[in-house]
Amino acid sequence: MTSNSAPDTSRAGKHILLDILHSEGVEIIFGNPGTTELPLLDAFVVEERLRYVLGLNEVVVMGMADGWAQATGRLAVCNLHAAPGLGNAMGMLYNAAKAGAPVLVTAGQQDMSIRLTEPLLWDDLATMARPLCKWSFEVSSIEELPRAVRRAAKVALTAPTGPVFLSIPGDVLTAIAPHDLDLGAPTRIGAGVRGDAAEVAKAAALIRAATNPIIFAGDCIANRDAFAEMVAFAESVGAPVYMEGMANRAAFPTNHPLFAGTVPRMTPALRAATRDHDLVISIGADLLTQSQATGVEGLEPGKLLVHLDDNVWEIGKNFPATAAIQGCPKATLPELTAQVRGSGDARRAGVEAKIAEAKAALLARAEAAMDSNPLDPMAVLKRLGEVMPDDAIIIEELLSSGMNTVRQLLPATRPDSWFGMRGGGIGVALPQAAAMKLANPDRPVVALSGDGSLMYSAAALWTLAHYKLPVVTIVFNNASYRILKQRTRAIGDHSARENRFVAMDLTEPAIDFMALAEAHGVEGVRVESIPALIEAFKAALASDAPTLIEVPVARAP
C-alpha cells in the first residue's frame, strides 16, 4: 500500500532559511517582495519569531537594513527581488559597505531549472553584488543553503564587518530538505585582537617624542565600543581630536574640551589642518578621505603617522604609516595609553583653550544669525542642540546645511547617538531612522535631511506611518542641490560669472513637503522662525506618531 501523506513542508527551504536566520540572532527581514520571493512571504504566514518589515522600494529596504545593522551591531537581513531589485538597492549597498554594516543581502533568483534560458528578471546576481560585498554567492541547492547562510553570517560579522550577498533561487525555497540535512550552528570570531606589542611600543615612542600631535578618530572606535578607551587615550596625549573625513559615527564625545571638530573633505583644508603638527595619529580612521581632486596631497611628504585599525587595508593605504598597528581599538588602546600616559600634560591646557576659542566663535556666529530670513542653518542647528534630548539618536544628512559645523552645534556624547552618510550616497537618513527606531523604541530618533536627499527615499515616510514609528524628520529646504552649486561656483567658470546653475534648482514646481507627508500618512509642519521650530520639535518629540518638519533655509550657494 502506498502512502498518500503530504510532504513535510516544515523542511522546505523557506522554513529552513528562517530557522537558520533566527538562530543567527536575526529579528527582522527588511524587504520589498516580488515573484521570486513569494515562497518566503508564504512562510511568514506561520512564522512567529521573525518579522518582515516592508519598504516601498529597494532604496528604502537596503537603507533600513543598513540602519538596523549599525544601530544594533547585529546581523541585518535585506530581501530584494531579482536583478532589478538588487540594481535599485546598489547605491544604499555602497553606503552600507563603506560604513562596515553587517548586512546579509538576499535576492530571489529565478528557478535553477530555467536560468540557462535567461528568463525575465534573471541575471548573474552574485557577480552584480560582488564588488560591494565581502562575500557573494548563489545557492544552487537546498543542500547548500545551511552552509551558505552560516558562512555569510560569519563573514558579515567578522571584523572588519560589512555586507554579504546570497542569491537564492525560488526552487531552493520550495525544495524539501532531506531529513539528515545538517543545519549547522553560528560561528563568531572574536573581534578583540590586540595589536602587535612591538608596533605599539614604536607608536608610543613616536607619541612621547612629539611636540604637537593631532588625532583623527574614526568609526572603528564606535563600532568596537571603544569610546571610553579613546577618551582616555586622547587625554593622555593632550592633542586635538578631529573626526575622520567621512565620519559616520560618534567616535569621540563632541562636548569634550579636546574635540576640535571636523575638517572639510578637500585636501588643501586637510593639509592645512595637519601642517603645524609633527605627528598624525589615526585611531580607526579612514584617513583623510578626499571629495574631489585638487592636485594637492592631504599630508605633506614625510609626515610621521601612527595608524591603528582592525582593517588592515586602511593602514598605509594612501600614506605610509611609521607605526602600523592592526588591532581592535578597544583591546589595544589601553596598552598604548599606559605607555604614553602623562606625555601630553604640559600642552593639554593650551590645546583645550585654543579649541574653546574656536568653538565660542562658531557659536557666536550661529547666535548672530538667529533672526535671519530665510533661516540660517547654523542658527537652526544651535537651537536644536540646546533642546535635543540627551539620549536622542541623530541621523544626519545635511551636506551643505551642516557640513563641518553640525557636530559642534549638535553634541553627540555617546557612541550610539550619531549616524551619518559614510558612503556619500544621498537618501540614507529617512530609512536609517526607521530602522533605528525599530531597534531603539524607547529613545528619541531625529533625522536631519536636506530636501534633495529626502526625495531619494521619501517612500520611507510610508514605512514610518505604517509601523507607527514616531521619528522626527527635519528637512532643511533650500529648494536646490546647494552643495552642487557651491562646487560648481568653485570651478570659477560660467556659473560663477553668470550666477546660473543648470539642473540644480528644485523649483517650478516647488516640492510640497506638507502634501508629501500627508500622502504618506505622516504629520507635517512647516515653520519659518526659530521659536516655531522649537515648538514644533518639542511637540513632535512628545507625539506617538511620525512628524515631518519643513524648515525653509537660505538658498544662496
Protein backbone atom coordinates (compact mmCIF):
# COMPACT_ATOMS: atom_id res chain seq x y z
CA MET A 1 0.00 0.00 0.00
CA THR A 2 1.38 3.38 -0.93
CA SER A 3 1.26 6.38 1.40
CA ASN A 4 -0.68 9.46 0.35
CA SER A 5 0.73 11.60 3.18
CA ALA A 6 1.79 15.13 2.24
CA PRO A 7 5.48 16.05 2.31
CA ASP A 8 6.82 17.63 5.49
CA THR A 9 6.75 21.29 4.42
CA SER A 10 8.41 22.32 7.68
CA ARG A 11 11.56 21.02 5.98
CA ALA A 12 11.07 23.28 2.97
CA GLY A 13 13.89 25.64 2.15
CA LYS A 14 11.81 28.69 3.06
CA HIS A 15 11.33 27.45 6.63
CA ILE A 16 14.90 26.23 6.96
CA LEU A 17 16.15 29.66 5.90
CA LEU A 18 14.07 31.31 8.63
CA ASP A 19 15.18 28.72 11.20
CA ILE A 20 18.84 29.43 10.45
CA LEU A 21 18.40 33.21 10.46
CA HIS A 22 16.61 33.03 13.82
CA SER A 23 19.48 31.01 15.28
CA GLU A 24 21.90 33.66 13.96
CA GLY A 25 20.12 36.30 16.03
CA VAL A 26 18.08 37.87 13.23
CA GLU A 27 14.84 39.55 14.35
CA ILE A 28 13.69 41.41 11.23
CA ILE A 29 13.88 40.87 7.50
CA PHE A 30 13.59 44.17 5.64
CA GLY A 31 12.14 43.61 2.22
CA ASN A 32 10.19 44.52 -0.87
CA PRO A 33 8.90 41.28 -2.37
CA GLY A 34 8.43 40.08 -5.91
CA THR A 35 7.53 36.82 -7.59
CA THR A 36 10.82 35.09 -6.77
CA GLU A 37 10.36 35.81 -3.04
CA LEU A 38 6.76 34.59 -2.76
CA PRO A 39 7.69 31.27 -1.08
CA LEU A 40 9.44 33.25 1.67
CA LEU A 41 6.42 35.52 2.16
CA ASP A 42 4.23 32.42 2.29
CA ALA A 43 6.41 31.07 5.12
CA PHE A 44 5.84 34.26 7.12
CA VAL A 45 2.15 33.37 7.40
CA VAL A 46 3.11 30.85 10.08
CA GLU A 47 6.39 32.46 11.25
CA GLU A 48 6.22 33.78 14.83
CA ARG A 49 9.87 34.52 15.62
CA LEU A 50 10.95 36.84 12.83
CA ARG A 51 9.22 39.93 11.49
CA TYR A 52 9.00 41.10 7.88
CA VAL A 53 9.20 44.92 7.58
CA LEU A 54 8.07 46.34 4.25
CA GLY A 55 9.69 49.19 2.36
CA LEU A 56 8.08 50.52 -0.81
CA ASN A 57 11.27 50.37 -2.85
CA GLU A 58 14.72 48.87 -2.56
CA VAL A 59 16.43 52.14 -1.64
CA VAL A 60 14.30 52.21 1.50
CA VAL A 61 14.73 48.50 2.20
CA MET A 62 18.51 48.50 1.89
CA GLY A 63 18.77 51.73 3.87
CA MET A 64 16.70 50.24 6.70
CA ALA A 65 18.85 47.11 6.85
CA ASP A 66 21.96 49.29 6.94
CA GLY A 67 20.48 51.34 9.78
CA TRP A 68 19.48 48.28 11.80
CA ALA A 69 22.94 46.73 11.46
CA GLN A 70 24.66 49.94 12.54
CA ALA A 71 22.28 50.57 15.42
CA THR A 72 22.50 47.06 16.86
CA GLY A 73 25.84 45.69 15.69
CA ARG A 74 23.94 42.50 14.88
CA LEU A 75 23.26 40.82 11.56
CA ALA A 76 20.59 42.59 9.50
CA VAL A 77 18.84 40.92 6.58
CA CYS A 78 17.63 42.66 3.44
CA ASN A 79 15.44 40.73 0.97
CA LEU A 80 15.38 42.06 -2.62
CA HIS A 81 13.68 40.99 -5.84
CA ALA A 82 15.89 39.53 -8.56
CA ALA A 83 18.14 41.68 -10.76
CA PRO A 84 16.07 44.91 -10.84
CA GLY A 85 15.64 44.86 -7.06
CA LEU A 86 19.35 44.39 -6.47
CA GLY A 87 20.11 47.08 -9.03
CA ASN A 88 17.79 49.55 -7.29
CA ALA A 89 19.50 48.86 -3.95
CA MET A 90 23.10 49.24 -5.11
CA GLY A 91 23.54 52.87 -4.04
CA MET A 92 22.47 52.10 -0.48
CA LEU A 93 24.53 48.88 -0.55
CA TYR A 94 27.55 51.05 -1.38
CA ASN A 95 26.85 53.17 1.71
CA ALA A 96 26.49 50.05 3.87
CA ALA A 97 29.80 48.72 2.59
CA LYS A 98 31.60 51.97 3.39
CA ALA A 99 30.03 52.01 6.86
CA GLY A 100 31.00 48.39 7.52
CA ALA A 101 27.40 47.42 8.26
CA PRO A 102 26.96 43.66 8.80
CA VAL A 103 24.06 43.07 6.40
CA LEU A 104 23.09 39.83 4.71
CA VAL A 105 21.56 40.91 1.42
CA THR A 106 19.46 38.23 -0.27
CA ALA A 107 17.78 38.38 -3.64
CA GLY A 108 15.25 35.96 -5.00
CA GLN A 109 16.53 34.32 -8.16
CA GLN A 110 14.60 32.57 -10.92
CA ASP A 111 14.36 28.78 -10.63
CA MET A 112 17.55 26.89 -11.39
CA SER A 113 15.65 24.81 -13.96
CA ILE A 114 15.21 27.79 -16.29
CA ARG A 115 18.20 30.02 -15.52
CA LEU A 116 20.07 28.93 -18.66
CA THR A 117 17.23 30.39 -20.75
CA GLU A 118 17.88 33.82 -19.15
CA PRO A 119 14.26 34.39 -18.09
CA LEU A 120 12.65 37.70 -17.20
CA LEU A 121 14.34 39.41 -14.21
CA TRP A 122 17.28 36.98 -14.25
CA ASP A 123 20.91 37.99 -14.21
CA ASP A 124 24.14 36.86 -12.59
CA LEU A 125 23.23 38.33 -9.21
CA ALA A 126 26.30 37.15 -7.32
CA THR A 127 28.55 38.88 -9.84
CA MET A 128 26.45 42.05 -9.70
CA ALA A 129 26.77 42.28 -5.91
CA ARG A 130 30.37 41.12 -5.53
CA PRO A 131 32.21 44.49 -5.81
CA LEU A 132 30.29 45.86 -2.81
CA CYS A 133 30.27 42.76 -0.59
CA LYS A 134 32.78 40.83 1.49
CA TRP A 135 31.40 37.60 0.01
CA SER A 136 28.85 36.93 -2.74
CA PHE A 137 27.40 33.56 -3.76
CA GLU A 138 24.42 31.92 -5.47
CA VAL A 139 22.88 28.97 -3.63
CA SER A 140 22.22 26.21 -6.17
CA SER A 141 20.51 23.59 -3.98
CA ILE A 142 18.81 23.16 -0.66
CA GLU A 143 21.80 21.11 0.47
CA GLU A 144 23.99 24.23 0.07
CA LEU A 145 21.58 26.53 1.88
CA PRO A 146 22.61 25.97 5.53
CA ARG A 147 26.34 26.23 4.89
CA ALA A 148 25.93 29.30 2.68
CA VAL A 149 23.83 31.18 5.23
CA ARG A 150 26.12 30.24 8.12
CA ARG A 151 29.18 31.36 6.18
CA ALA A 152 27.52 34.61 5.14
CA ALA A 153 26.62 35.47 8.74
CA LYS A 154 30.14 34.70 9.95
CA VAL A 155 31.78 36.78 7.25
CA ALA A 156 29.45 39.76 7.71
CA LEU A 157 30.06 39.87 11.47
CA THR A 158 33.84 39.33 11.38
CA ALA A 159 35.94 42.49 11.70
CA PRO A 160 36.14 44.49 9.58
CA THR A 161 32.42 43.93 9.31
CA GLY A 162 30.44 44.50 6.12
CA PRO A 163 27.70 43.34 3.77
CA VAL A 164 27.49 39.88 2.19
CA PHE A 165 25.17 38.62 -0.54
CA LEU A 166 23.26 35.44 -1.33
CA SER A 167 21.25 34.79 -4.46
CA ILE A 168 18.54 32.27 -3.53
CA PRO A 169 16.51 30.71 -6.37
CA GLY A 170 12.82 30.16 -5.81
CA ASP A 171 13.04 26.40 -6.21
CA VAL A 172 15.59 26.25 -3.37
CA LEU A 173 12.97 27.88 -1.13
CA THR A 174 10.30 25.36 -2.11
CA ALA A 175 12.51 22.25 -2.12
CA ILE A 176 12.09 19.75 0.73
CA ALA A 177 15.31 19.04 2.60
CA PRO A 178 16.45 15.51 3.36
CA HIS A 179 15.89 14.58 6.99
CA ASP A 180 19.62 14.19 7.60
CA LEU A 181 20.47 17.72 6.38
CA ASP A 182 22.72 19.35 8.98
CA LEU A 183 21.63 22.95 9.63
CA GLY A 184 24.93 23.82 11.34
CA ALA A 185 25.41 26.44 14.04
CA PRO A 186 26.62 30.07 14.28
CA THR A 187 30.34 30.88 14.22
CA ARG A 188 31.57 34.11 15.78
CA ILE A 189 35.20 35.22 15.58
CA GLY A 190 36.29 37.38 18.47
CA ALA A 191 36.98 40.97 17.46
CA GLY A 192 39.17 41.97 20.42
CA VAL A 193 42.51 41.46 18.68
CA ARG A 194 45.39 43.23 20.43
CA GLY A 195 47.91 44.99 18.25
CA ASP A 196 51.48 43.78 17.88
CA ALA A 197 53.46 44.72 21.02
CA ALA A 198 56.49 45.94 19.06
CA GLU A 199 54.36 48.26 16.90
CA VAL A 200 52.52 49.56 19.96
CA ALA A 201 55.87 50.36 21.57
CA LYS A 202 57.04 52.10 18.39
CA ALA A 203 53.85 54.18 18.32
CA ALA A 204 54.26 55.09 21.98
CA ALA A 205 57.81 56.28 21.38
CA LEU A 206 56.66 58.49 18.50
CA ILE A 207 53.88 59.98 20.63
CA ARG A 208 56.18 60.66 23.58
CA ALA A 209 58.65 62.41 21.28
CA ALA A 210 56.05 64.55 19.53
CA THR A 211 55.66 68.20 20.47
CA ASN A 212 52.38 68.90 18.68
CA PRO A 213 50.46 65.75 17.68
CA ILE A 214 46.99 65.65 16.11
CA ILE A 215 44.46 62.80 16.39
CA PHE A 216 41.87 61.60 13.89
CA ALA A 217 39.15 59.40 15.40
CA GLY A 218 37.23 57.01 13.16
CA ASP A 219 34.09 54.92 13.09
CA CYS A 220 36.03 51.84 14.17
CA ILE A 221 36.03 53.30 17.70
CA ALA A 222 32.24 53.30 17.95
CA ASN A 223 31.90 50.03 16.05
CA ARG A 224 34.18 48.29 18.56
CA ASP A 225 32.73 50.03 21.66
CA ALA A 226 36.00 51.83 22.38
CA PHE A 227 34.53 55.24 23.29
CA ALA A 228 35.91 55.33 26.86
CA GLU A 229 39.28 53.97 25.75
CA MET A 230 39.52 56.67 23.08
CA VAL A 231 38.80 59.42 25.60
CA ALA A 232 41.46 58.12 27.99
CA PHE A 233 44.00 57.95 25.16
CA ALA A 234 43.28 61.49 23.91
CA GLU A 235 43.53 62.92 27.40
CA SER A 236 46.91 61.24 27.90
CA VAL A 237 48.24 62.57 24.60
CA GLY A 238 46.76 66.04 25.11
CA ALA A 239 46.13 66.54 21.40
CA PRO A 240 43.18 67.95 19.43
CA VAL A 241 40.79 65.26 18.21
CA TYR A 242 39.13 65.57 14.80
CA MET A 243 36.56 63.27 13.24
CA GLU A 244 37.65 61.41 10.15
CA GLY A 245 36.77 62.93 6.80
CA MET A 246 33.55 60.96 6.22
CA ALA A 247 32.62 60.38 9.85
CA ASN A 248 29.59 58.15 10.18
CA ARG A 249 29.52 57.52 13.94
CA ALA A 250 30.29 59.36 17.16
CA ALA A 251 33.90 58.33 17.63
CA PHE A 252 34.59 60.91 20.35
CA PRO A 253 32.28 62.98 22.59
CA THR A 254 31.73 66.26 20.80
CA ASN A 255 31.33 68.15 24.09
CA HIS A 256 34.80 67.10 25.25
CA PRO A 257 37.27 70.02 25.50
CA LEU A 258 39.70 68.20 23.18
CA PHE A 259 37.13 67.76 20.41
CA ALA A 260 38.24 70.07 17.61
CA GLY A 261 35.52 69.25 15.08
CA THR A 262 35.67 68.06 11.52
CA VAL A 263 37.87 69.02 8.57
CA PRO A 264 36.47 69.76 5.09
CA ARG A 265 36.91 66.81 2.74
CA MET A 266 39.18 68.75 0.41
CA THR A 267 42.91 68.11 0.51
CA PRO A 268 44.01 71.76 0.88
CA ALA A 269 41.95 72.01 4.09
CA LEU A 270 43.21 68.65 5.31
CA ARG A 271 46.80 69.67 4.66
CA ALA A 272 46.29 72.99 6.42
CA ALA A 273 44.83 71.23 9.46
CA THR A 274 47.83 68.93 9.81
CA ARG A 275 50.62 71.27 8.66
CA ASP A 276 51.74 72.53 12.07
CA HIS A 277 51.58 69.10 13.72
CA ASP A 278 54.66 66.92 13.84
CA LEU A 279 52.74 63.65 14.29
CA VAL A 280 49.39 62.43 12.90
CA ILE A 281 47.64 59.72 14.92
CA SER A 282 44.81 57.83 13.26
CA ILE A 283 42.67 55.63 15.51
CA GLY A 284 40.36 53.61 13.30
CA ALA A 285 40.01 56.46 10.81
CA ASP A 286 39.55 56.28 7.07
CA LEU A 287 42.47 58.64 6.84
CA LEU A 288 41.98 61.94 5.01
CA THR A 289 39.36 60.80 2.51
CA GLN A 290 39.03 63.50 -0.16
CA SER A 291 35.92 64.56 -2.03
CA GLN A 292 37.41 65.97 -5.22
CA ALA A 293 40.75 66.09 -6.97
CA THR A 294 42.68 69.25 -6.13
CA GLY A 295 46.20 68.37 -7.17
CA VAL A 296 47.36 68.53 -3.54
CA GLU A 297 48.05 65.61 -1.21
CA GLY A 298 46.29 65.60 2.16
CA LEU A 299 49.55 65.07 4.06
CA GLU A 300 52.93 66.61 3.42
CA PRO A 301 55.57 64.07 2.33
CA GLY A 302 57.46 62.61 5.27
CA LYS A 303 54.79 63.41 7.85
CA LEU A 304 55.07 60.95 10.74
CA LEU A 305 51.98 58.77 11.11
CA VAL A 306 50.71 56.34 13.73
CA HIS A 307 47.81 54.27 12.43
CA LEU A 308 45.74 51.79 14.48
CA ASP A 309 42.85 49.95 12.82
CA ASP A 310 41.28 46.49 12.68
CA ASN A 311 41.01 46.90 8.90
CA VAL A 312 44.49 46.25 7.56
CA TRP A 313 43.50 47.63 4.14
CA GLU A 314 43.19 51.13 5.57
CA ILE A 315 46.62 51.12 7.24
CA GLY A 316 49.17 52.67 4.92
CA LYS A 317 46.61 52.69 2.09
CA ASN A 318 47.47 56.20 0.93
CA PHE A 319 50.14 57.42 3.35
CA PRO A 320 52.97 55.35 4.82
CA ALA A 321 52.46 54.55 8.50
CA THR A 322 55.58 54.97 10.62
CA ALA A 323 53.92 52.76 13.23
CA ALA A 324 51.28 50.43 11.76
CA ILE A 325 49.11 48.56 14.25
CA GLN A 326 46.49 46.08 13.14
CA GLY A 327 44.20 45.59 16.10
CA CYS A 328 40.94 46.38 17.81
CA PRO A 329 40.95 49.87 19.38
CA LYS A 330 39.15 48.63 22.48
CA ALA A 331 41.72 45.89 23.05
CA THR A 332 44.81 47.88 22.00
CA LEU A 333 44.29 51.45 23.19
CA PRO A 334 44.66 50.68 26.93
CA GLU A 335 48.16 49.30 26.32
CA LEU A 336 49.12 52.27 24.15
CA THR A 337 47.63 54.73 26.65
CA ALA A 338 49.58 53.17 29.50
CA GLN A 339 52.83 53.77 27.61
CA VAL A 340 52.10 57.44 26.80
CA ARG A 341 50.33 58.49 29.99
CA GLY A 342 51.35 62.00 31.04
CA SER A 343 53.08 62.80 27.76
CA GLY A 344 50.53 65.49 26.94
CA ASP A 345 50.13 67.09 30.36
CA ALA A 346 52.19 70.16 29.53
CA ARG A 347 50.32 71.03 26.32
CA ARG A 348 46.76 69.92 27.09
CA ALA A 349 45.54 73.17 28.68
CA GLY A 350 46.81 75.22 25.76
CA VAL A 351 45.21 72.88 23.22
CA GLU A 352 41.88 72.99 25.03
CA ALA A 353 41.96 76.79 25.26
CA LYS A 354 42.55 77.13 21.51
CA ILE A 355 39.68 74.71 20.76
CA ALA A 356 37.37 76.54 23.18
CA GLU A 357 38.14 79.86 21.50
CA ALA A 358 37.30 78.49 18.05
CA LYS A 359 34.09 76.88 19.30
CA ALA A 360 33.00 80.09 21.05
CA ALA A 361 33.47 81.98 17.79
CA LEU A 362 31.37 79.38 15.93
CA LEU A 363 28.58 79.58 18.50
CA ALA A 364 28.66 83.38 18.36
CA ARG A 365 28.23 83.31 14.56
CA ALA A 366 25.30 80.94 14.91
CA GLU A 367 23.70 83.10 17.61
CA ALA A 368 24.11 86.22 15.50
CA ALA A 369 22.11 84.58 12.71
CA MET A 370 19.03 83.78 14.81
CA ASP A 371 16.85 86.42 13.16
CA SER A 372 17.91 85.67 9.59
CA ASN A 373 15.19 85.36 6.99
CA PRO A 374 15.18 82.80 5.45
CA LEU A 375 16.52 80.82 8.37
CA ASP A 376 20.24 80.23 8.69
CA PRO A 377 21.11 76.52 9.07
CA MET A 378 23.73 77.23 11.76
CA ALA A 379 21.17 79.06 13.88
CA VAL A 380 18.68 76.24 13.44
CA LEU A 381 21.24 73.63 14.48
CA LYS A 382 22.35 75.63 17.52
CA ARG A 383 18.82 75.94 18.88
CA LEU A 384 18.09 72.28 18.18
CA GLY A 385 21.26 71.36 20.05
CA GLU A 386 20.03 73.28 23.08
CA VAL A 387 16.79 71.26 23.31
CA MET A 388 17.94 67.90 21.93
CA PRO A 389 17.31 65.09 24.46
CA ASP A 390 20.49 63.58 25.91
CA ASP A 391 19.50 60.09 24.76
CA ALA A 392 18.50 61.09 21.22
CA ILE A 393 19.75 59.22 18.17
CA ILE A 394 20.56 61.66 15.36
CA ILE A 395 20.80 60.59 11.74
CA GLU A 396 22.39 63.46 9.85
CA GLU A 397 22.38 64.01 6.10
CA LEU A 398 22.69 67.74 5.68
CA LEU A 399 25.64 68.17 3.33
CA SER A 400 25.67 71.92 2.59
CA SER A 401 23.48 72.93 5.57
CA GLY A 402 25.63 71.36 8.23
CA MET A 403 29.00 70.49 6.78
CA ASN A 404 31.90 70.99 9.19
CA THR A 405 29.76 72.69 11.85
CA VAL A 406 26.93 70.34 12.77
CA ARG A 407 28.94 68.21 15.21
CA GLN A 408 29.86 71.21 17.36
CA LEU A 409 26.32 72.60 17.28
CA LEU A 410 24.52 69.31 17.97
CA PRO A 411 26.51 67.42 20.61
CA ALA A 412 26.95 63.65 20.38
CA THR A 413 28.05 62.37 23.76
CA ARG A 414 27.70 58.60 23.35
CA PRO A 415 28.82 56.24 20.57
CA ASP A 416 25.29 55.22 19.60
CA SER A 417 23.98 58.80 19.42
CA TRP A 418 25.02 59.80 15.90
CA PHE A 419 24.92 58.28 12.44
CA GLY A 420 25.79 59.89 9.12
CA MET A 421 26.34 59.03 5.48
CA ARG A 422 29.75 57.41 5.29
CA GLY A 423 29.47 56.40 1.67
CA GLY A 424 28.24 59.77 0.41
CA GLY A 425 25.25 58.33 -1.47
CA ILE A 426 22.28 60.51 -0.56
CA GLY A 427 18.92 59.31 0.72
CA VAL A 428 20.11 57.39 3.79
CA ALA A 429 18.63 59.42 6.65
CA LEU A 430 14.95 58.52 6.45
CA PRO A 431 15.24 54.72 6.02
CA GLN A 432 18.03 54.50 8.58
CA ALA A 433 15.89 56.44 11.05
CA ALA A 434 13.02 54.00 10.58
CA ALA A 435 15.24 51.02 11.39
CA MET A 436 16.94 52.76 14.30
CA LYS A 437 13.57 53.50 15.85
CA LEU A 438 12.64 49.83 15.47
CA ALA A 439 15.89 48.94 17.21
CA ASN A 440 15.51 51.62 19.92
CA PRO A 441 11.78 52.11 20.56
CA ASP A 442 12.34 53.94 23.86
CA ARG A 443 14.77 56.56 22.53
CA PRO A 444 14.04 59.71 20.51
CA VAL A 445 15.14 59.35 16.88
CA VAL A 446 15.72 62.50 14.85
CA ALA A 447 16.50 62.53 11.12
CA LEU A 448 18.10 65.68 9.68
CA SER A 449 17.91 65.78 5.89
CA GLY A 450 18.29 68.13 3.01
CA ASP A 451 15.38 68.45 0.62
CA GLY A 452 17.21 66.83 -2.27
CA SER A 453 18.37 63.95 -0.11
CA LEU A 454 14.93 63.27 1.31
CA MET A 455 13.42 62.88 -2.16
CA TYR A 456 15.72 59.93 -2.86
CA SER A 457 13.92 57.90 -0.18
CA ALA A 458 10.66 59.76 0.50
CA ALA A 459 8.75 56.46 0.30
CA ALA A 460 10.21 55.66 3.74
CA LEU A 461 7.61 58.06 5.14
CA TRP A 462 5.01 55.36 4.45
CA THR A 463 7.00 52.82 6.45
CA LEU A 464 7.19 55.26 9.38
CA ALA A 465 3.42 55.72 9.29
CA HIS A 466 2.56 52.07 8.64
CA TYR A 467 4.60 50.77 11.56
CA LYS A 468 3.73 53.75 13.78
CA LEU A 469 7.34 54.81 14.28
CA PRO A 470 7.45 58.28 15.96
CA VAL A 471 10.56 59.52 14.17
CA VAL A 472 11.06 63.28 13.97
CA THR A 473 12.25 64.23 10.48
CA ILE A 474 13.51 67.77 9.91
CA VAL A 475 14.01 68.68 6.27
CA PHE A 476 16.24 71.70 5.59
CA ASN A 477 14.65 73.02 2.41
CA ASN A 478 16.82 75.26 0.24
CA ALA A 479 14.92 74.22 -2.91
CA SER A 480 18.11 73.15 -4.60
CA TYR A 481 21.13 70.88 -4.71
CA ARG A 482 23.05 73.58 -2.88
CA ILE A 483 26.27 71.62 -2.42
CA LEU A 484 26.47 71.17 -6.19
CA LYS A 485 26.03 74.90 -6.65
CA GLN A 486 28.86 75.51 -4.21
CA ARG A 487 31.15 73.09 -6.03
CA THR A 488 30.18 74.45 -9.46
CA ARG A 489 30.84 78.02 -8.35
CA ALA A 490 34.27 76.90 -7.15
CA ILE A 491 35.12 75.87 -10.71
CA GLY A 492 35.22 79.59 -11.45
CA ASP A 493 33.79 79.45 -14.95
CA HIS A 494 30.35 80.11 -16.48
CA SER A 495 28.20 79.51 -13.38
CA ALA A 496 30.44 81.66 -11.21
CA ARG A 497 30.34 84.56 -13.68
CA GLU A 498 26.65 84.39 -14.59
CA ASN A 499 25.29 83.09 -11.28
CA ARG A 500 23.29 80.48 -13.15
CA PHE A 501 23.25 76.76 -12.43
CA VAL A 502 21.88 74.05 -14.67
CA ALA A 503 19.70 71.27 -13.17
CA MET A 504 20.36 72.28 -9.56
CA ASP A 505 17.11 74.03 -8.55
CA LEU A 506 14.14 72.09 -7.17
CA THR A 507 11.54 74.64 -8.22
CA GLU A 508 8.80 75.17 -10.81
CA PRO A 509 7.07 73.45 -9.17
CA ALA A 510 8.41 73.63 -5.65
CA ILE A 511 8.20 70.37 -3.73
CA ASP A 512 5.18 70.44 -1.43
CA PHE A 513 6.55 68.61 1.60
CA MET A 514 3.32 69.05 3.54
CA ALA A 515 1.35 67.31 0.80
CA LEU A 516 4.07 64.66 0.57
CA ALA A 517 3.82 63.97 4.30
CA GLU A 518 0.02 63.82 4.19
CA ALA A 519 0.06 61.45 1.23
CA HIS A 520 2.18 59.00 3.23
CA GLY A 521 0.19 59.32 6.47
CA VAL A 522 2.73 61.47 8.32
CA GLU A 523 2.02 64.66 10.26
CA GLY A 524 3.57 67.67 8.51
CA VAL A 525 4.53 71.05 9.97
CA ARG A 526 6.16 73.95 8.10
CA VAL A 527 7.96 76.51 10.26
CA GLU A 528 9.54 79.84 9.31
CA SER A 529 11.01 81.02 12.60
CA ILE A 530 13.30 79.56 15.26
CA PRO A 531 10.65 79.75 18.04
CA ALA A 532 8.11 77.99 15.80
CA LEU A 533 10.68 75.30 15.01
CA ILE A 534 11.43 74.60 18.66
CA GLU A 535 7.72 74.47 19.49
CA ALA A 536 7.08 72.02 16.64
CA PHE A 537 10.14 69.95 17.57
CA LYS A 538 9.06 69.55 21.20
CA ALA A 539 5.56 68.58 20.11
CA ALA A 540 6.97 66.02 17.68
CA LEU A 541 9.16 64.51 20.40
CA ALA A 542 6.08 64.09 22.58
CA SER A 543 4.00 62.54 19.81
CA ASP A 544 3.44 58.81 19.33
CA ALA A 545 3.36 59.27 15.54
CA PRO A 546 5.95 60.32 12.95
CA THR A 547 6.32 64.02 12.16
CA LEU A 548 7.94 65.84 9.24
CA ILE A 549 9.05 69.40 9.99
CA GLU A 550 9.94 71.53 6.98
CA VAL A 551 12.43 74.35 7.61
CA PRO A 552 12.99 76.72 4.67
CA VAL A 553 16.63 77.84 4.77
CA ALA A 554 18.80 80.19 2.75
CA ARG A 555 19.30 79.17 -0.89
CA ALA A 556 22.41 81.20 -1.74
CA PRO A 557 25.22 78.94 -2.99
